[in-house]
PDB file of N, CA and C in Angstrom:
ATOM      1  N   MET A   1       0.993  -1.502  -0.196  1.00  0.00           N
ATOM      2  CA  MET A   1      -0.157  -0.149   0.121  1.00  0.00           C
ATOM      3  C   MET A   1       0.320   1.089   0.072  1.00  0.00           C
ATOM      4  N   LYS A   2       1.788   0.524   0.799  1.00  0.00           N
ATOM      5  CA  LYS A   2       2.857   2.470   0.391  1.00  0.00           C
ATOM      6  C   LYS A   2       3.637   2.598  -0.856  1.00  0.00           C
ATOM      7  N   VAL A   3       4.036   1.538  -1.157  1.00  0.00           N
ATOM      8  CA  VAL A   3       4.959   1.386  -2.567  1.00  0.00           C
ATOM      9  C   VAL A   3       3.938   2.056  -3.372  1.00  0.00           C
ATOM     10  N   LEU A   4       2.517   1.876  -3.309  1.00  0.00           N
ATOM     11  CA  LEU A   4       1.444   2.486  -4.406  1.00  0.00           C
ATOM     12  C   LEU A   4       0.999   3.722  -3.336  1.00  0.00           C
ATOM     13  N   ARG A   5       0.915   3.883  -2.512  1.00  0.00           N
ATOM     14  CA  ARG A   5       0.783   5.519  -2.265  1.00  0.00           C
ATOM     15  C   ARG A   5       2.411   6.386  -2.552  1.00  0.00           C
ATOM     16  N   ARG A   6       3.392   6.213  -2.269  1.00  0.00           N
ATOM     17  CA  ARG A   6       4.440   6.685  -3.400  1.00  0.00           C
ATOM     18  C   ARG A   6       4.457   6.740  -4.870  1.00  0.00           C
ATOM     19  N   ARG A   7       3.733   5.658  -5.970  1.00  0.00           N
ATOM     20  CA  ARG A   7       3.889   5.909  -7.077  1.00  0.00           C
ATOM     21  C   ARG A   7       3.025   7.021  -7.153  1.00  0.00           C
ATOM     22  N   ILE A   8       1.617   7.306  -6.558  1.00  0.00           N
ATOM     23  CA  ILE A   8       0.394   7.786  -7.064  1.00  0.00           C
ATOM     24  C   ILE A   8       0.955   9.481  -6.479  1.00  0.00           C
ATOM     25  N   LEU A   9       1.623   9.453  -5.308  1.00  0.00           N
ATOM     26  CA  LEU A   9       2.455  11.056  -5.520  1.00  0.00           C
ATOM     27  C   LEU A   9       3.444  11.868  -6.347  1.00  0.00           C
ATOM     28  N   LYS A  10       3.930  10.814  -6.598  1.00  0.00           N
ATOM     29  CA  LYS A  10       5.147  11.039  -7.755  1.00  0.00           C
ATOM     30  C   LYS A  10       3.619  11.435  -9.475  1.00  0.00           C
ATOM     31  N   GLU A  11       3.537  10.241  -9.599  1.00  0.00           N
ATOM     32  CA  GLU A  11       2.734  10.540 -10.413  1.00  0.00           C
ATOM     33  C   GLU A  11       2.599  12.525 -10.708  1.00  0.00           C
ATOM     34  N   ASN A  12       1.570  12.621  -9.748  1.00  0.00           N
ATOM     35  CA  ASN A  12       1.251  14.180  -9.109  1.00  0.00           C
ATOM     36  C   ASN A  12       2.102  14.770  -8.898  1.00  0.00           C
ATOM     37  N   VAL A  13       3.066  14.650  -8.347  1.00  0.00           N
ATOM     38  CA  VAL A  13       3.856  15.873  -8.603  1.00  0.00           C
ATOM     39  C   VAL A  13       4.668  15.892 -10.047  1.00  0.00           C
ATOM     40  N   GLN A  14       4.908  14.896 -10.757  1.00  0.00           N
ATOM     41  CA  GLN A  14       5.309  15.153 -12.486  1.00  0.00           C
ATOM     42  C   GLN A  14       4.518  15.430 -12.634  1.00  0.00           C
ATOM     43  N   PHE A  15       2.971  15.213 -12.423  1.00  0.00           N
ATOM     44  CA  PHE A  15       2.310  15.919 -13.674  1.00  0.00           C
ATOM     45  C   PHE A  15       1.919  18.067 -12.538  1.00  0.00           C
ATOM     46  N   LEU A  16       2.486  18.156 -12.046  1.00  0.00           N
ATOM     47  CA  LEU A  16       2.636  19.704 -12.009  1.00  0.00           C
ATOM     48  C   LEU A  16       4.073  20.352 -11.504  1.00  0.00           C
ATOM     49  N   THR A  17       4.716  19.163 -11.906  1.00  0.00           N
ATOM     50  CA  THR A  17       6.562  19.411 -12.901  1.00  0.00           C
ATOM     51  C   THR A  17       5.964  20.099 -14.079  1.00  0.00           C
ATOM     52  N   GLU A  18       5.345  19.065 -14.973  1.00  0.00           N
ATOM     53  CA  GLU A  18       4.902  19.496 -16.265  1.00  0.00           C
ATOM     54  C   GLU A  18       4.114  20.803 -16.466  1.00  0.00           C
ATOM     55  N   VAL A  19       3.081  21.048 -15.535  1.00  0.00           N
ATOM     56  CA  VAL A  19       1.555  21.992 -15.996  1.00  0.00           C
ATOM     57  C   VAL A  19       2.997  23.658 -15.599  1.00  0.00           C
ATOM     58  N   ILE A  20       3.820  23.467 -14.649  1.00  0.00           N
ATOM     59  CA  ILE A  20       4.088  24.729 -14.286  1.00  0.00           C
ATOM     60  C   ILE A  20       5.259  24.578 -15.416  1.00  0.00           C
ATOM     61  N   ASP A  21       6.530  23.941 -15.866  1.00  0.00           N
ATOM     62  CA  ASP A  21       7.164  24.019 -16.421  1.00  0.00           C
ATOM     63  C   ASP A  21       6.598  24.735 -17.896  1.00  0.00           C
ATOM     64  N   LYS A  22       5.034  24.344 -19.186  1.00  0.00           N
ATOM     65  CA  LYS A  22       5.007  25.218 -19.223  1.00  0.00           C
ATOM     66  C   LYS A  22       4.257  26.439 -18.833  1.00  0.00           C
ATOM     67  N   MET A  23       3.596  26.618 -17.819  1.00  0.00           N
ATOM     68  CA  MET A  23       3.406  28.188 -17.290  1.00  0.00           C
ATOM     69  C   MET A  23       4.898  28.759 -17.484  1.00  0.00           C
ATOM     70  N   ALA A  24       5.810  27.973 -17.205  1.00  0.00           N
ATOM     71  CA  ALA A  24       6.753  29.451 -17.194  1.00  0.00           C
ATOM     72  C   ALA A  24       7.763  29.507 -18.262  1.00  0.00           C
ATOM     73  N   LYS A  25       7.696  28.518 -19.198  1.00  0.00           N
ATOM     74  CA  LYS A  25       8.164  28.675 -20.707  1.00  0.00           C
ATOM     75  C   LYS A  25       7.841  29.604 -21.929  1.00  0.00           C
ATOM     76  N   ASN A  26       6.433  29.562 -21.493  1.00  0.00           N
ATOM     77  CA  ASN A  26       4.907  30.161 -22.111  1.00  0.00           C
ATOM     78  C   ASN A  26       5.008  31.817 -22.004  1.00  0.00           C
ATOM     79  N   GLY A  27       5.360  31.976 -20.471  1.00  0.00           N
ATOM     80  CA  GLY A  27       5.074  33.377 -19.859  1.00  0.00           C
ATOM     81  C   GLY A  27       4.068  33.141 -19.551  1.00  0.00           C
ATOM     82  N   VAL A  28       2.768  32.779 -19.868  1.00  0.00           N
ATOM     83  CA  VAL A  28       1.594  33.376 -19.276  1.00  0.00           C
ATOM     84  C   VAL A  28       0.880  32.304 -17.924  1.00  0.00           C
ATOM     85  N   ILE A  29       0.450  32.979 -17.443  1.00  0.00           N
ATOM     86  CA  ILE A  29       0.754  32.984 -15.962  1.00  0.00           C
ATOM     87  C   ILE A  29      -1.702  32.746 -15.309  1.00  0.00           C
ATOM     88  N   ARG A  30      -2.197  31.201 -16.120  1.00  0.00           N
ATOM     89  CA  ARG A  30      -3.278  31.713 -15.456  1.00  0.00           C
ATOM     90  C   ARG A  30      -3.495  31.467 -14.243  1.00  0.00           C
ATOM     91  N   GLU A  31      -4.721  32.155 -13.072  1.00  0.00           N
ATOM     92  CA  GLU A  31      -4.426  32.316 -12.092  1.00  0.00           C
ATOM     93  C   GLU A  31      -5.566  31.334 -11.523  1.00  0.00           C
ATOM     94  N   ASP A  32      -6.570  30.482 -12.434  1.00  0.00           N
ATOM     95  CA  ASP A  32      -7.250  29.074 -12.234  1.00  0.00           C
ATOM     96  C   ASP A  32      -5.971  27.886 -12.490  1.00  0.00           C
ATOM     97  N   VAL A  33      -5.443  28.194 -13.295  1.00  0.00           N
ATOM     98  CA  VAL A  33      -4.533  26.767 -13.077  1.00  0.00           C
ATOM     99  C   VAL A  33      -3.203  26.882 -11.692  1.00  0.00           C
ATOM    100  N   ILE A  34      -3.323  28.180 -10.822  1.00  0.00           N
ATOM    101  CA  ILE A  34      -1.729  28.309 -10.024  1.00  0.00           C
ATOM    102  C   ILE A  34      -2.987  27.517  -9.087  1.00  0.00           C
ATOM    103  N   GLU A  35      -4.319  28.463  -8.951  1.00  0.00           N
ATOM    104  CA  GLU A  35      -4.965  27.702  -7.884  1.00  0.00           C
ATOM    105  C   GLU A  35      -5.073  26.461  -7.530  1.00  0.00           C
ATOM    106  N   GLU A  36      -5.066  25.507  -8.602  1.00  0.00           N
ATOM    107  CA  GLU A  36      -5.085  23.945  -8.800  1.00  0.00           C
ATOM    108  C   GLU A  36      -3.905  23.876  -8.402  1.00  0.00           C
ATOM    109  N   VAL A  37      -2.946  24.282  -8.409  1.00  0.00           N
ATOM    110  CA  VAL A  37      -1.633  23.691  -8.414  1.00  0.00           C
ATOM    111  C   VAL A  37      -1.729  24.048  -7.370  1.00  0.00           C
ATOM    112  N   TYR A  38      -2.084  24.982  -6.192  1.00  0.00           N
ATOM    113  CA  TYR A  38      -1.811  24.960  -5.260  1.00  0.00           C
ATOM    114  C   TYR A  38      -2.611  24.717  -4.040  1.00  0.00           C
ATOM    115  N   TRP A  39      -3.984  23.695  -4.252  1.00  0.00           N
ATOM    116  CA  TRP A  39      -4.597  23.267  -4.032  1.00  0.00           C
ATOM    117  C   TRP A  39      -4.567  21.947  -3.808  1.00  0.00           C
ATOM    118  N   THR A  40      -3.728  21.657  -5.334  1.00  0.00           N
ATOM    119  CA  THR A  40      -2.717  19.952  -5.277  1.00  0.00           C
ATOM    120  C   THR A  40      -2.194  20.009  -4.467  1.00  0.00           C
ATOM    121  N   LEU A  41      -1.162  21.055  -4.551  1.00  0.00           N
ATOM    122  CA  LEU A  41       0.163  21.185  -3.799  1.00  0.00           C
ATOM    123  C   LEU A  41      -0.408  20.624  -2.154  1.00  0.00           C
ATOM    124  N   LYS A  42      -1.381  21.619  -1.832  1.00  0.00           N
ATOM    125  CA  LYS A  42      -1.839  21.479  -0.635  1.00  0.00           C
ATOM    126  C   LYS A  42      -1.869  19.911   0.519  1.00  0.00           C
ATOM    127  N   LYS A  43      -2.777  19.439  -0.868  1.00  0.00           N
ATOM    128  CA  LYS A  43      -3.236  18.125  -0.494  1.00  0.00           C
ATOM    129  C   LYS A  43      -2.272  16.994  -0.343  1.00  0.00           C
ATOM    130  N   LEU A  44      -1.427  17.393  -2.002  1.00  0.00           N
ATOM    131  CA  LEU A  44       0.170  16.333  -1.190  1.00  0.00           C
ATOM    132  C   LEU A  44       0.361  16.331   0.778  1.00  0.00           C
ATOM    133  N   LEU A  45       0.879  17.671   0.627  1.00  0.00           N
ATOM    134  CA  LEU A  45       1.736  18.073   1.861  1.00  0.00           C
ATOM    135  C   LEU A  45       0.652  17.221   3.094  1.00  0.00           C
ATOM    136  N   LYS A  46      -0.786  17.814   2.955  1.00  0.00           N
ATOM    137  CA  LYS A  46      -1.421  17.237   3.867  1.00  0.00           C
ATOM    138  C   LYS A  46      -0.870  15.705   3.979  1.00  0.00           C
ATOM    139  N   ASP A  47      -0.593  14.637   3.018  1.00  0.00           N
ATOM    140  CA  ASP A  47      -0.882  14.222   3.028  1.00  0.00           C
ATOM    141  C   ASP A  47       0.247  13.311   3.114  1.00  0.00           C
ATOM    142  N   SER A  48       1.865  14.009   2.731  1.00  0.00           N
ATOM    143  CA  SER A  48       2.790  13.500   3.299  1.00  0.00           C
ATOM    144  C   SER A  48       3.928  15.074   3.011  1.00  0.00           C
ATOM    145  N   CYS A  49       4.898  15.544   4.409  1.00  0.00           N
ATOM    146  CA  CYS A  49       5.482  16.454   4.886  1.00  0.00           C
ATOM    147  C   CYS A  49       6.561  15.808   3.849  1.00  0.00           C
ATOM    148  N   GLU A  50       7.135  16.437   2.353  1.00  0.00           N
ATOM    149  CA  GLU A  50       8.098  16.574   2.262  1.00  0.00           C
ATOM    150  C   GLU A  50       8.877  17.768   1.601  1.00  0.00           C
ATOM    151  N   GLY A  51      10.025  18.361   1.575  1.00  0.00           N
ATOM    152  CA  GLY A  51      10.531  19.618   2.197  1.00  0.00           C
ATOM    153  C   GLY A  51      10.512  19.503   0.681  1.00  0.00           C
ATOM    154  N   GLU A  52      11.222  18.541  -0.488  1.00  0.00           N
ATOM    155  CA  GLU A  52      10.892  19.957  -1.492  1.00  0.00           C
ATOM    156  C   GLU A  52       9.181  20.250  -1.844  1.00  0.00           C
ATOM    157  N   LEU A  53       8.528  19.076  -1.000  1.00  0.00           N
ATOM    158  CA  LEU A  53       7.425  19.612  -2.005  1.00  0.00           C
ATOM    159  C   LEU A  53       6.224  21.091  -1.110  1.00  0.00           C
ATOM    160  N   ILE A  54       6.969  21.812  -0.111  1.00  0.00           N
ATOM    161  CA  ILE A  54       6.804  22.579   0.958  1.00  0.00           C
ATOM    162  C   ILE A  54       6.947  23.376  -0.056  1.00  0.00           C
ATOM    163  N   GLU A  55       8.443  23.009  -0.609  1.00  0.00           N
ATOM    164  CA  GLU A  55       8.723  24.461  -0.684  1.00  0.00           C
ATOM    165  C   GLU A  55       8.801  24.384  -2.002  1.00  0.00           C
ATOM    166  N   ALA A  56       8.031  24.214  -3.019  1.00  0.00           N
ATOM    167  CA  ALA A  56       7.234  23.858  -4.125  1.00  0.00           C
ATOM    168  C   ALA A  56       5.431  24.638  -3.768  1.00  0.00           C
ATOM    169  N   PHE A  57       5.299  24.208  -2.478  1.00  0.00           N
ATOM    170  CA  PHE A  57       4.313  24.672  -2.110  1.00  0.00           C
ATOM    171  C   PHE A  57       4.372  26.321  -1.505  1.00  0.00           C
ATOM    172  N   GLU A  58       4.939  26.475  -0.908  1.00  0.00           N
ATOM    173  CA  GLU A  58       5.592  27.897  -0.973  1.00  0.00           C
ATOM    174  C   GLU A  58       5.670  29.590  -2.091  1.00  0.00           C
ATOM    175  N   GLU A  59       6.019  28.229  -3.195  1.00  0.00           N
ATOM    176  CA  GLU A  59       6.263  29.168  -4.190  1.00  0.00           C
ATOM    177  C   GLU A  59       5.173  29.398  -5.076  1.00  0.00           C
ATOM    178  N   ILE A  60       4.224  28.682  -5.099  1.00  0.00           N
ATOM    179  CA  ILE A  60       2.675  29.110  -5.124  1.00  0.00           C
ATOM    180  C   ILE A  60       1.623  29.711  -5.312  1.00  0.00           C
ATOM    181  N   VAL A  61       2.353  29.681  -3.042  1.00  0.00           N
ATOM    182  CA  VAL A  61       2.056  30.893  -2.620  1.00  0.00           C
ATOM    183  C   VAL A  61       1.887  32.523  -2.250  1.00  0.00           C
ATOM    184  N   MET A  62       3.755  32.471  -2.662  1.00  0.00           N
ATOM    185  CA  MET A  62       4.498  33.375  -3.975  1.00  0.00           C
ATOM    186  C   MET A  62       2.972  33.694  -4.868  1.00  0.00           C
ATOM    187  N   ILE A  63       2.935  33.234  -5.463  1.00  0.00           N
ATOM    188  CA  ILE A  63       2.926  33.329  -6.840  1.00  0.00           C
ATOM    189  C   ILE A  63       0.611  33.690  -6.953  1.00  0.00           C
ATOM    190  N   ARG A  64       0.565  32.705  -5.830  1.00  0.00           N
ATOM    191  CA  ARG A  64      -1.566  33.243  -5.645  1.00  0.00           C
ATOM    192  C   ARG A  64      -0.570  34.284  -4.371  1.00  0.00           C
ATOM    193  N   SER A  65      -0.212  35.340  -4.333  1.00  0.00           N
ATOM    194  CA  SER A  65      -0.038  36.286  -3.203  1.00  0.00           C
ATOM    195  C   SER A  65       0.563  37.248  -3.504  1.00  0.00           C
ATOM    196  N   LYS A  66       1.217  37.504  -5.111  1.00  0.00           N
ATOM    197  CA  LYS A  66       1.382  38.882  -6.215  1.00  0.00           C
ATOM    198  C   LYS A  66       0.721  38.497  -7.188  1.00  0.00           C
ATOM    199  N   LEU A  67       0.005  37.769  -7.637  1.00  0.00           N
ATOM    200  CA  LEU A  67      -0.912  38.045  -8.494  1.00  0.00           C
ATOM    201  C   LEU A  67      -1.286  39.630  -8.423  1.00  0.00           C
ATOM    202  N   GLY A  68      -1.282  40.073 -10.252  1.00  0.00           N
ATOM    203  CA  GLY A  68      -2.119  41.071 -10.310  1.00  0.00           C
ATOM    204  C   GLY A  68      -1.126  42.575  -9.669  1.00  0.00           C
ATOM    205  N   LYS A  69       0.222  42.244  -9.043  1.00  0.00           N
ATOM    206  CA  LYS A  69       1.508  43.188  -8.818  1.00  0.00           C
ATOM    207  C   LYS A  69       2.790  42.517  -9.919  1.00  0.00           C
ATOM    208  N   ASP A  70       3.485  44.321  -9.754  1.00  0.00           N
ATOM    209  CA  ASP A  70       5.030  43.734 -10.502  1.00  0.00           C
ATOM    210  C   ASP A  70       5.641  42.887  -9.862  1.00  0.00           C
ATOM    211  N   VAL A  71       4.620  41.459  -9.900  1.00  0.00           N
ATOM    212  CA  VAL A  71       6.844  41.088 -10.095  1.00  0.00           C
ATOM    213  C   VAL A  71       6.650  39.549 -11.215  1.00  0.00           C
ATOM    214  N   GLU A  72       7.717  39.293 -11.238  1.00  0.00           N
ATOM    215  CA  GLU A  72       7.961  37.726 -12.053  1.00  0.00           C
ATOM    216  C   GLU A  72       7.398  37.034 -11.615  1.00  0.00           C
ATOM    217  N   PRO A  73       6.231  36.340 -11.626  1.00  0.00           N
ATOM    218  CA  PRO A  73       6.008  35.390 -11.559  1.00  0.00           C
ATOM    219  C   PRO A  73       6.507  33.300 -12.254  1.00  0.00           C
ATOM    220  N   GLU A  74       7.235  34.203 -13.367  1.00  0.00           N
ATOM    221  CA  GLU A  74       7.785  32.639 -13.825  1.00  0.00           C
ATOM    222  C   GLU A  74       8.695  32.393 -13.171  1.00  0.00           C
ATOM    223  N   ARG A  75      10.175  33.831 -12.389  1.00  0.00           N
ATOM    224  CA  ARG A  75      11.323  32.749 -11.536  1.00  0.00           C
ATOM    225  C   ARG A  75      10.436  32.167 -10.182  1.00  0.00           C
ATOM    226  N   HIS A  76       9.064  32.740  -9.968  1.00  0.00           N
ATOM    227  CA  HIS A  76       8.423  31.514  -8.517  1.00  0.00           C
ATOM    228  C   HIS A  76       8.255  30.028  -9.866  1.00  0.00           C
ATOM    229  N   LEU A  77       7.707  30.132 -10.795  1.00  0.00           N
ATOM    230  CA  LEU A  77       7.903  28.668 -11.486  1.00  0.00           C
ATOM    231  C   LEU A  77       8.676  28.263 -11.124  1.00  0.00           C
ATOM    232  N   GLU A  78       9.691  28.699 -11.765  1.00  0.00           N
ATOM    233  CA  GLU A  78      11.009  27.345 -11.969  1.00  0.00           C
ATOM    234  C   GLU A  78      11.349  27.346 -10.281  1.00  0.00           C
ATOM    235  N   LYS A  79      11.062  27.957  -9.297  1.00  0.00           N
ATOM    236  CA  LYS A  79      11.653  27.555  -7.996  1.00  0.00           C
ATOM    237  C   LYS A  79      10.983  26.652  -7.419  1.00  0.00           C
ATOM    238  N   ALA A  80       9.258  26.467  -7.893  1.00  0.00           N
ATOM    239  CA  ALA A  80       8.955  26.029  -7.993  1.00  0.00           C
ATOM    240  C   ALA A  80       9.421  24.324  -8.565  1.00  0.00           C
ATOM    241  N   LYS A  81       9.448  24.434  -9.636  1.00  0.00           N
ATOM    242  CA  LYS A  81       9.719  23.718 -10.194  1.00  0.00           C
ATOM    243  C   LYS A  81      11.355  22.361 -10.423  1.00  0.00           C
ATOM    244  N   VAL A  82      11.705  23.694  -9.806  1.00  0.00           N
ATOM    245  CA  VAL A  82      13.123  23.014  -9.187  1.00  0.00           C
ATOM    246  C   VAL A  82      12.900  22.348  -8.718  1.00  0.00           C
ATOM    247  N   SER A  83      12.504  22.563  -7.243  1.00  0.00           N
ATOM    248  CA  SER A  83      11.795  22.019  -5.885  1.00  0.00           C
ATOM    249  C   SER A  83      10.915  20.419  -6.603  1.00  0.00           C
ATOM    250  N   LEU A  84      10.480  20.326  -7.267  1.00  0.00           N
ATOM    251  CA  LEU A  84       8.963  18.912  -8.051  1.00  0.00           C
ATOM    252  C   LEU A  84      10.851  18.104  -8.486  1.00  0.00           C
ATOM    253  N   SER A  85      11.513  18.610  -9.382  1.00  0.00           N
ATOM    254  CA  SER A  85      12.415  17.923  -9.257  1.00  0.00           C
ATOM    255  C   SER A  85      13.325  17.155  -8.921  1.00  0.00           C
ATOM    256  N   LYS A  86      13.290  18.096  -8.493  1.00  0.00           N
ATOM    257  CA  LYS A  86      14.358  17.408  -6.797  1.00  0.00           C
ATOM    258  C   LYS A  86      13.471  15.807  -6.222  1.00  0.00           C
ATOM    259  N   PHE A  87      12.377  16.781  -5.659  1.00  0.00           N
ATOM    260  CA  PHE A  87      12.112  15.484  -4.665  1.00  0.00           C
ATOM    261  C   PHE A  87      11.457  14.061  -5.837  1.00  0.00           C
ATOM    262  N   LEU A  88      11.145  14.771  -7.233  1.00  0.00           N
ATOM    263  CA  LEU A  88      10.978  13.579  -8.081  1.00  0.00           C
ATOM    264  C   LEU A  88      12.711  12.317  -8.254  1.00  0.00           C
ATOM    265  N   GLU A  89      13.918  13.427  -7.969  1.00  0.00           N
ATOM    266  CA  GLU A  89      14.919  13.264  -8.365  1.00  0.00           C
ATOM    267  C   GLU A  89      15.076  11.520  -7.259  1.00  0.00           C
ATOM    268  N   GLY A  90      15.261  12.361  -5.687  1.00  0.00           N
ATOM    269  CA  GLY A  90      15.086  11.669  -4.549  1.00  0.00           C
ATOM    270  C   GLY A  90      14.557  10.526  -4.282  1.00  0.00           C
ATOM    271  N   GLY A  91      12.914   9.702  -4.555  1.00  0.00           N
ATOM    272  CA  GLY A  91      11.747   9.028  -4.736  1.00  0.00           C
ATOM    273  C   GLY A  91      12.103   7.869  -5.041  1.00  0.00           C
TER     274      GLY A  91
END
């Protein structure tokens, strides 16, 4: 059961990594997608407290708080993607 849970977690993280990568590369930050990434990461955090997931979660929180203001959300997306990639490499 633990192996199955870990595989599902990795699949979810892989999907989020791809979504974040596309937004970062396209330079199009969609608020609805950020919301979905936020809630997905929050659920994953409840199920598993992994350091890289927490870092990615924090970066998405930064984007949510800054949307509509003068910031570079692409930078936060890149940091979140790197954290998720590190999680995938380590597990």
